[in-house]
Amino acid sequence: MSLPATLAGAVTAILLMALVTYLTRAGGVFVMSRVPIGPKVERFINAMAGSVLVAVIAPMAVQGDWGARLALLATLAVMLTTQRTLAAITAGIVAAALWRLLA
């Protein structure tokens, strides 16, 4: 499918992406409303959250530049020492920005 590079094409693309996002989320809620949440399902959901996080971070650690790797290390170090998510995110952003500013 090809959309023209016009305002109408951009609005159509945004609306299509919003629809797909909504259907994905609503579909998940619909499916999970029919699944009984027992101990096994709860363990699966908790493990899935961690695996998605690793799937997002691992390629950045392997294929990213040194700024991305330094940001990951700074985030990890601050999270392990302080257990504060916002502080860890801030440390990662500052580390990447400083690396890219000075490198």
N, C-alpha and C. Protein backbone atom coordinates (compact mmCIF):
# COMPACT_ATOMS: atom_id res chain seq x y z
N MET A 1 0.84 -1.17 0.00
CA MET A 1 0.00 0.00 0.00
C MET A 1 0.89 1.24 0.00
N SER A 2 0.56 2.16 -0.82
CA SER A 2 1.35 3.38 -0.94
C SER A 2 0.44 4.59 -0.72
N LEU A 3 0.89 5.49 0.13
CA LEU A 3 0.12 6.70 0.39
C LEU A 3 0.84 7.89 -0.23
N PRO A 4 0.08 8.82 -0.78
CA PRO A 4 0.73 10.00 -1.36
C PRO A 4 1.36 10.88 -0.28
N ALA A 5 2.41 11.57 -0.64
CA ALA A 5 3.12 12.44 0.31
C ALA A 5 2.43 13.80 0.38
N THR A 6 1.19 13.76 0.83
CA THR A 6 0.40 14.97 0.99
C THR A 6 -0.13 15.01 2.41
N LEU A 7 -0.81 16.09 2.74
CA LEU A 7 -1.42 16.20 4.07
C LEU A 7 -2.45 15.08 4.27
N ALA A 8 -3.23 14.80 3.26
CA ALA A 8 -4.25 13.74 3.36
C ALA A 8 -3.58 12.38 3.56
N GLY A 9 -2.49 12.15 2.87
CA GLY A 9 -1.76 10.89 3.03
C GLY A 9 -1.19 10.75 4.43
N ALA A 10 -0.65 11.84 4.98
CA ALA A 10 -0.09 11.80 6.33
C ALA A 10 -1.19 11.56 7.36
N VAL A 11 -2.33 12.24 7.21
CA VAL A 11 -3.44 12.05 8.13
C VAL A 11 -3.97 10.62 8.03
N THR A 12 -4.06 10.09 6.83
CA THR A 12 -4.51 8.70 6.64
C THR A 12 -3.56 7.73 7.33
N ALA A 13 -2.26 7.95 7.16
CA ALA A 13 -1.28 7.06 7.81
C ALA A 13 -1.40 7.13 9.32
N ILE A 14 -1.55 8.32 9.87
CA ILE A 14 -1.70 8.47 11.33
C ILE A 14 -2.95 7.78 11.82
N LEU A 15 -4.06 7.95 11.11
CA LEU A 15 -5.31 7.31 11.51
C LEU A 15 -5.22 5.79 11.43
N LEU A 16 -4.56 5.27 10.39
CA LEU A 16 -4.39 3.82 10.26
C LEU A 16 -3.52 3.28 11.40
N MET A 17 -2.44 3.99 11.73
CA MET A 17 -1.58 3.54 12.83
C MET A 17 -2.33 3.59 14.16
N ALA A 18 -3.15 4.62 14.35
CA ALA A 18 -3.94 4.71 15.59
C ALA A 18 -4.94 3.57 15.67
N LEU A 19 -5.57 3.23 14.56
CA LEU A 19 -6.52 2.13 14.54
C LEU A 19 -5.85 0.80 14.85
N VAL A 20 -4.70 0.55 14.24
CA VAL A 20 -3.97 -0.69 14.52
C VAL A 20 -3.54 -0.75 15.98
N THR A 21 -3.06 0.36 16.52
CA THR A 21 -2.67 0.40 17.93
C THR A 21 -3.87 0.11 18.83
N TYR A 22 -4.99 0.74 18.55
CA TYR A 22 -6.20 0.52 19.36
C TYR A 22 -6.65 -0.94 19.27
N LEU A 23 -6.69 -1.49 18.06
CA LEU A 23 -7.15 -2.87 17.90
C LEU A 23 -6.21 -3.86 18.60
N THR A 24 -4.92 -3.58 18.58
CA THR A 24 -3.97 -4.45 19.26
C THR A 24 -4.22 -4.43 20.76
N ARG A 25 -4.38 -3.25 21.32
CA ARG A 25 -4.62 -3.14 22.77
C ARG A 25 -5.98 -3.70 23.15
N ALA A 26 -7.01 -3.35 22.39
CA ALA A 26 -8.35 -3.84 22.70
C ALA A 26 -8.41 -5.36 22.52
N GLY A 27 -7.71 -5.87 21.52
CA GLY A 27 -7.67 -7.32 21.31
C GLY A 27 -7.03 -8.04 22.48
N GLY A 28 -5.97 -7.46 23.03
CA GLY A 28 -5.32 -8.06 24.20
C GLY A 28 -6.24 -8.09 25.40
N VAL A 29 -6.96 -6.99 25.62
CA VAL A 29 -7.91 -6.94 26.73
C VAL A 29 -9.03 -7.94 26.50
N PHE A 30 -9.52 -8.03 25.27
CA PHE A 30 -10.60 -8.97 24.94
C PHE A 30 -10.17 -10.41 25.19
N VAL A 31 -8.98 -10.77 24.72
CA VAL A 31 -8.49 -12.14 24.89
C VAL A 31 -8.26 -12.45 26.37
N MET A 32 -7.60 -11.53 27.07
CA MET A 32 -7.29 -11.79 28.48
C MET A 32 -8.54 -11.76 29.37
N SER A 33 -9.62 -11.15 28.91
CA SER A 33 -10.85 -11.18 29.70
C SER A 33 -11.48 -12.57 29.69
N ARG A 34 -11.07 -13.42 28.77
CA ARG A 34 -11.59 -14.77 28.67
C ARG A 34 -10.64 -15.83 29.21
N VAL A 35 -9.47 -15.40 29.70
CA VAL A 35 -8.48 -16.33 30.25
C VAL A 35 -8.52 -16.22 31.78
N PRO A 36 -8.74 -17.34 32.46
CA PRO A 36 -8.70 -17.26 33.92
C PRO A 36 -7.26 -17.02 34.39
N ILE A 37 -7.08 -16.04 35.28
CA ILE A 37 -5.74 -15.69 35.76
C ILE A 37 -5.41 -16.56 36.96
N GLY A 38 -4.70 -17.64 36.69
CA GLY A 38 -4.22 -18.52 37.75
C GLY A 38 -2.75 -18.26 38.01
N PRO A 39 -2.14 -19.05 38.87
CA PRO A 39 -0.72 -18.85 39.18
C PRO A 39 0.19 -19.00 37.96
N LYS A 40 -0.12 -19.96 37.08
CA LYS A 40 0.73 -20.17 35.90
C LYS A 40 0.64 -18.98 34.94
N VAL A 41 -0.57 -18.50 34.70
CA VAL A 41 -0.74 -17.36 33.80
C VAL A 41 -0.09 -16.12 34.39
N GLU A 42 -0.21 -15.92 35.68
CA GLU A 42 0.42 -14.77 36.32
C GLU A 42 1.94 -14.82 36.22
N ARG A 43 2.52 -16.01 36.41
CA ARG A 43 3.98 -16.16 36.25
C ARG A 43 4.40 -15.88 34.81
N PHE A 44 3.59 -16.36 33.85
CA PHE A 44 3.89 -16.12 32.44
C PHE A 44 3.88 -14.62 32.13
N ILE A 45 2.87 -13.91 32.61
CA ILE A 45 2.76 -12.47 32.34
C ILE A 45 3.94 -11.73 32.96
N ASN A 46 4.30 -12.08 34.18
CA ASN A 46 5.44 -11.42 34.84
C ASN A 46 6.75 -11.71 34.11
N ALA A 47 6.95 -12.93 33.63
CA ALA A 47 8.17 -13.27 32.90
C ALA A 47 8.19 -12.61 31.53
N MET A 48 7.03 -12.45 30.92
CA MET A 48 6.96 -11.85 29.59
C MET A 48 7.41 -10.39 29.63
N ALA A 49 7.08 -9.67 30.68
CA ALA A 49 7.48 -8.27 30.78
C ALA A 49 9.01 -8.14 30.77
N GLY A 50 9.69 -8.99 31.50
CA GLY A 50 11.16 -8.96 31.52
C GLY A 50 11.76 -9.35 30.19
N SER A 51 11.15 -10.32 29.51
CA SER A 51 11.71 -10.76 28.23
C SER A 51 11.53 -9.69 27.15
N VAL A 52 10.44 -8.94 27.20
CA VAL A 52 10.26 -7.84 26.26
C VAL A 52 11.31 -6.76 26.50
N LEU A 53 11.58 -6.46 27.77
CA LEU A 53 12.60 -5.48 28.10
C LEU A 53 13.97 -5.91 27.56
N VAL A 54 14.33 -7.15 27.75
CA VAL A 54 15.61 -7.66 27.25
C VAL A 54 15.63 -7.62 25.72
N ALA A 55 14.52 -7.93 25.08
CA ALA A 55 14.46 -7.90 23.61
C ALA A 55 14.66 -6.49 23.07
N VAL A 56 14.27 -5.49 23.82
CA VAL A 56 14.47 -4.11 23.38
C VAL A 56 15.90 -3.65 23.65
N ILE A 57 16.46 -4.04 24.79
CA ILE A 57 17.77 -3.55 25.20
C ILE A 57 18.93 -4.28 24.53
N ALA A 58 18.81 -5.58 24.34
CA ALA A 58 19.93 -6.37 23.81
C ALA A 58 20.44 -5.87 22.45
N PRO A 59 19.58 -5.61 21.47
CA PRO A 59 20.12 -5.10 20.19
C PRO A 59 20.84 -3.77 20.34
N MET A 60 20.35 -2.91 21.24
CA MET A 60 21.02 -1.63 21.44
C MET A 60 22.40 -1.84 22.05
N ALA A 61 22.53 -2.81 22.94
CA ALA A 61 23.83 -3.08 23.55
C ALA A 61 24.81 -3.65 22.54
N VAL A 62 24.30 -4.45 21.61
CA VAL A 62 25.18 -5.10 20.63
C VAL A 62 25.47 -4.19 19.44
N GLN A 63 24.45 -3.55 18.91
CA GLN A 63 24.61 -2.78 17.67
C GLN A 63 24.71 -1.27 17.89
N GLY A 64 24.45 -0.81 19.10
CA GLY A 64 24.48 0.62 19.36
C GLY A 64 25.90 1.17 19.41
N ASP A 65 25.99 2.49 19.40
CA ASP A 65 27.30 3.11 19.50
C ASP A 65 27.72 3.15 20.97
N TRP A 66 28.89 3.72 21.23
CA TRP A 66 29.40 3.75 22.60
C TRP A 66 28.55 4.64 23.49
N GLY A 67 27.89 5.63 22.94
CA GLY A 67 26.99 6.45 23.73
C GLY A 67 25.82 5.63 24.27
N ALA A 68 25.27 4.75 23.43
CA ALA A 68 24.17 3.88 23.86
C ALA A 68 24.65 2.89 24.91
N ARG A 69 25.82 2.33 24.71
CA ARG A 69 26.35 1.37 25.69
C ARG A 69 26.64 2.05 27.04
N LEU A 70 27.20 3.24 26.98
CA LEU A 70 27.46 3.98 28.21
C LEU A 70 26.15 4.33 28.93
N ALA A 71 25.14 4.68 28.15
CA ALA A 71 23.83 4.97 28.73
C ALA A 71 23.25 3.74 29.42
N LEU A 72 23.39 2.57 28.80
CA LEU A 72 22.91 1.33 29.42
C LEU A 72 23.65 1.05 30.73
N LEU A 73 24.97 1.22 30.71
CA LEU A 73 25.75 0.98 31.93
C LEU A 73 25.40 1.97 33.03
N ALA A 74 25.24 3.24 32.68
CA ALA A 74 24.87 4.25 33.68
C ALA A 74 23.50 3.96 34.26
N THR A 75 22.57 3.59 33.40
CA THR A 75 21.22 3.26 33.86
C THR A 75 21.24 2.06 34.80
N LEU A 76 21.98 1.04 34.42
CA LEU A 76 22.08 -0.16 35.25
C LEU A 76 22.71 0.16 36.60
N ALA A 77 23.80 0.93 36.59
CA ALA A 77 24.50 1.24 37.83
C ALA A 77 23.61 2.04 38.78
N VAL A 78 22.93 3.05 38.26
CA VAL A 78 22.08 3.87 39.12
C VAL A 78 20.88 3.07 39.61
N MET A 79 20.31 2.23 38.76
CA MET A 79 19.15 1.43 39.17
C MET A 79 19.54 0.44 40.26
N LEU A 80 20.71 -0.19 40.12
CA LEU A 80 21.14 -1.15 41.12
C LEU A 80 21.49 -0.50 42.45
N THR A 81 22.01 0.72 42.40
CA THR A 81 22.41 1.37 43.65
C THR A 81 21.27 2.13 44.34
N THR A 82 20.39 2.74 43.56
CA THR A 82 19.35 3.58 44.17
C THR A 82 17.95 2.98 44.13
N GLN A 83 17.70 2.07 43.21
CA GLN A 83 16.36 1.49 42.99
C GLN A 83 15.33 2.56 42.61
N ARG A 84 15.79 3.63 41.99
CA ARG A 84 14.89 4.71 41.57
C ARG A 84 14.89 4.79 40.05
N THR A 85 13.74 4.47 39.46
CA THR A 85 13.63 4.39 38.01
C THR A 85 13.92 5.72 37.33
N LEU A 86 13.33 6.79 37.83
CA LEU A 86 13.52 8.09 37.20
C LEU A 86 14.98 8.54 37.26
N ALA A 87 15.64 8.28 38.37
CA ALA A 87 17.06 8.62 38.47
C ALA A 87 17.89 7.80 37.49
N ALA A 88 17.55 6.53 37.32
CA ALA A 88 18.29 5.67 36.38
C ALA A 88 18.09 6.14 34.94
N ILE A 89 16.87 6.47 34.59
CA ILE A 89 16.59 6.96 33.23
C ILE A 89 17.34 8.27 32.99
N THR A 90 17.31 9.15 33.97
CA THR A 90 18.03 10.43 33.85
C THR A 90 19.52 10.21 33.67
N ALA A 91 20.09 9.29 34.44
CA ALA A 91 21.52 8.99 34.32
C ALA A 91 21.85 8.47 32.92
N GLY A 92 21.01 7.62 32.38
CA GLY A 92 21.24 7.09 31.03
C GLY A 92 21.19 8.18 29.97
N ILE A 93 20.21 9.06 30.08
CA ILE A 93 20.08 10.14 29.11
C ILE A 93 21.26 11.10 29.20
N VAL A 94 21.64 11.45 30.41
CA VAL A 94 22.77 12.36 30.61
C VAL A 94 24.07 11.73 30.10
N ALA A 95 24.27 10.43 30.38
CA ALA A 95 25.48 9.75 29.93
C ALA A 95 25.58 9.74 28.41
N ALA A 96 24.48 9.41 27.74
CA ALA A 96 24.49 9.39 26.27
C ALA A 96 24.70 10.78 25.72
N ALA A 97 24.05 11.78 26.30
CA ALA A 97 24.19 13.16 25.81
C ALA A 97 25.62 13.66 25.99
N LEU A 98 26.21 13.40 27.15
CA LEU A 98 27.58 13.84 27.37
C LEU A 98 28.56 13.15 26.44
N TRP A 99 28.37 11.84 26.24
CA TRP A 99 29.25 11.11 25.34
C TRP A 99 29.19 11.70 23.93
N ARG A 100 27.98 11.96 23.47
CA ARG A 100 27.83 12.46 22.11
C ARG A 100 28.28 13.91 21.99
N LEU A 101 28.19 14.66 23.09
CA LEU A 101 28.67 16.03 23.08
C LEU A 101 30.19 16.08 23.03
N LEU A 102 30.84 15.20 23.80
CA LEU A 102 32.30 15.23 23.90
C LEU A 102 33.01 14.38 22.86
N ALA A 103 32.34 13.42 22.29
CA ALA A 103 33.00 12.52 21.31
C ALA A 103 32.93 13.04 19.90
